[in-house]
Structures are given as C-alpha cells and as structure tokens.
Amino acid sequence: MRTSWVLLAALAALAAYYIYLPLPGTVSDSWKLMLLDATFRAVQCLLYS
C-alpha cells in the first residue's frame, strides 16, 4: 500500500513538471495556457513517435 502512494506522488510530480511552463506575469489565465500547451505537446509526442 505504501508503494502505491509513493508511485502516485511520483506520477503527480512528473505530470506537474510536464505541464508547468514559465510565463510572464501579464498572462491572465496562465493555467489554461499551460494545460493547452501540455495537451498539444502530448499529442505531438504521440503522433510523431
């Protein structure tokens, strides 16, 4: 059971690392832009791999 919690925490950290994108402070909805960018990168990675 403990191993599954550690694995879940590691997957959450890796997902956050993949989604995070440093943006300037003037962007109003930065979380939307980061999520959209991560989606595009994931689809591109799946299509061209």
C-alpha atoms as a PDB file:
ATOM      1  CA  MET A   1       0.000   0.000   0.000  1.00  0.00           C
ATOM      2  CA  ARG A   2       2.820   2.367   0.826  1.00  0.00           C
ATOM      3  CA  THR A   3       4.470   1.708  -2.522  1.00  0.00           C
ATOM      4  CA  SER A   4       1.324   2.737  -4.367  1.00  0.00           C
ATOM      5  CA  TRP A   5       1.247   6.095  -2.518  1.00  0.00           C
ATOM      6  CA  VAL A   6       4.876   6.736  -3.394  1.00  0.00           C
ATOM      7  CA  LEU A   7       4.212   5.839  -7.023  1.00  0.00           C
ATOM      8  CA  LEU A   8       1.146   8.096  -7.113  1.00  0.00           C
ATOM      9  CA  ALA A   9       3.131  11.003  -5.675  1.00  0.00           C
ATOM     10  CA  ALA A  10       5.906  10.444  -8.223  1.00  0.00           C
ATOM     11  CA  LEU A  11       3.423  10.389 -11.115  1.00  0.00           C
ATOM     12  CA  ALA A  12       1.766  13.573  -9.848  1.00  0.00           C
ATOM     13  CA  ALA A  13       5.157  15.296  -9.612  1.00  0.00           C
ATOM     14  CA  LEU A  14       6.099  14.217 -13.136  1.00  0.00           C
ATOM     15  CA  ALA A  15       2.747  15.409 -14.501  1.00  0.00           C
ATOM     16  CA  ALA A  16       3.182  18.787 -12.797  1.00  0.00           C
ATOM     17  CA  TYR A  17       6.708  19.053 -14.212  1.00  0.00           C
ATOM     18  CA  TYR A  18       5.424  18.282 -17.724  1.00  0.00           C
ATOM     19  CA  ILE A  19       2.541  20.766 -17.514  1.00  0.00           C
ATOM     20  CA  TYR A  20       4.430  23.675 -15.908  1.00  0.00           C
ATOM     21  CA  LEU A  21       5.519  26.385 -18.296  1.00  0.00           C
ATOM     22  CA  PRO A  22       7.122  29.626 -17.085  1.00  0.00           C
ATOM     23  CA  LEU A  23       5.028  32.537 -18.313  1.00  0.00           C
ATOM     24  CA  PRO A  24       5.204  36.288 -17.833  1.00  0.00           C
ATOM     25  CA  GLY A  25       3.000  37.789 -15.139  1.00  0.00           C
ATOM     26  CA  THR A  26       0.856  39.627 -17.671  1.00  0.00           C
ATOM     27  CA  VAL A  27      -0.890  36.447 -18.857  1.00  0.00           C
ATOM     28  CA  SER A  28      -4.360  36.438 -17.292  1.00  0.00           C
ATOM     29  CA  ASP A  29      -5.249  32.709 -17.380  1.00  0.00           C
ATOM     30  CA  SER A  30      -1.868  31.062 -17.206  1.00  0.00           C
ATOM     31  CA  TRP A  31      -3.212  27.661 -16.079  1.00  0.00           C
ATOM     32  CA  LYS A  32      -5.342  27.406 -19.237  1.00  0.00           C
ATOM     33  CA  LEU A  33      -2.379  28.191 -21.446  1.00  0.00           C
ATOM     34  CA  MET A  34      -0.135  25.707 -19.624  1.00  0.00           C
ATOM     35  CA  LEU A  35      -2.748  22.947 -19.873  1.00  0.00           C
ATOM     36  CA  LEU A  36      -3.371  23.632 -23.556  1.00  0.00           C
ATOM     37  CA  ASP A  37       0.360  23.622 -24.285  1.00  0.00           C
ATOM     38  CA  ALA A  38       0.839  20.349 -22.410  1.00  0.00           C
ATOM     39  CA  THR A  39      -2.023  18.796 -24.364  1.00  0.00           C
ATOM     40  CA  PHE A  40      -0.533  19.880 -27.678  1.00  0.00           C
ATOM     41  CA  ARG A  41       2.921  18.595 -26.689  1.00  0.00           C
ATOM     42  CA  ALA A  42       1.479  15.229 -25.591  1.00  0.00           C
ATOM     43  CA  VAL A  43      -0.490  14.783 -28.816  1.00  0.00           C
ATOM     44  CA  GLN A  44       2.520  15.787 -30.882  1.00  0.00           C
ATOM     45  CA  CYS A  45       4.704  13.343 -28.986  1.00  0.00           C
ATOM     46  CA  LEU A  46       2.199  10.538 -29.522  1.00  0.00           C
ATOM     47  CA  LEU A  47       1.769  11.248 -33.229  1.00  0.00           C
ATOM     48  CA  TYR A  48       5.438  11.587 -34.157  1.00  0.00           C
ATOM     49  CA  SER A  49       6.960   8.872 -32.007  1.00  0.00           C
END
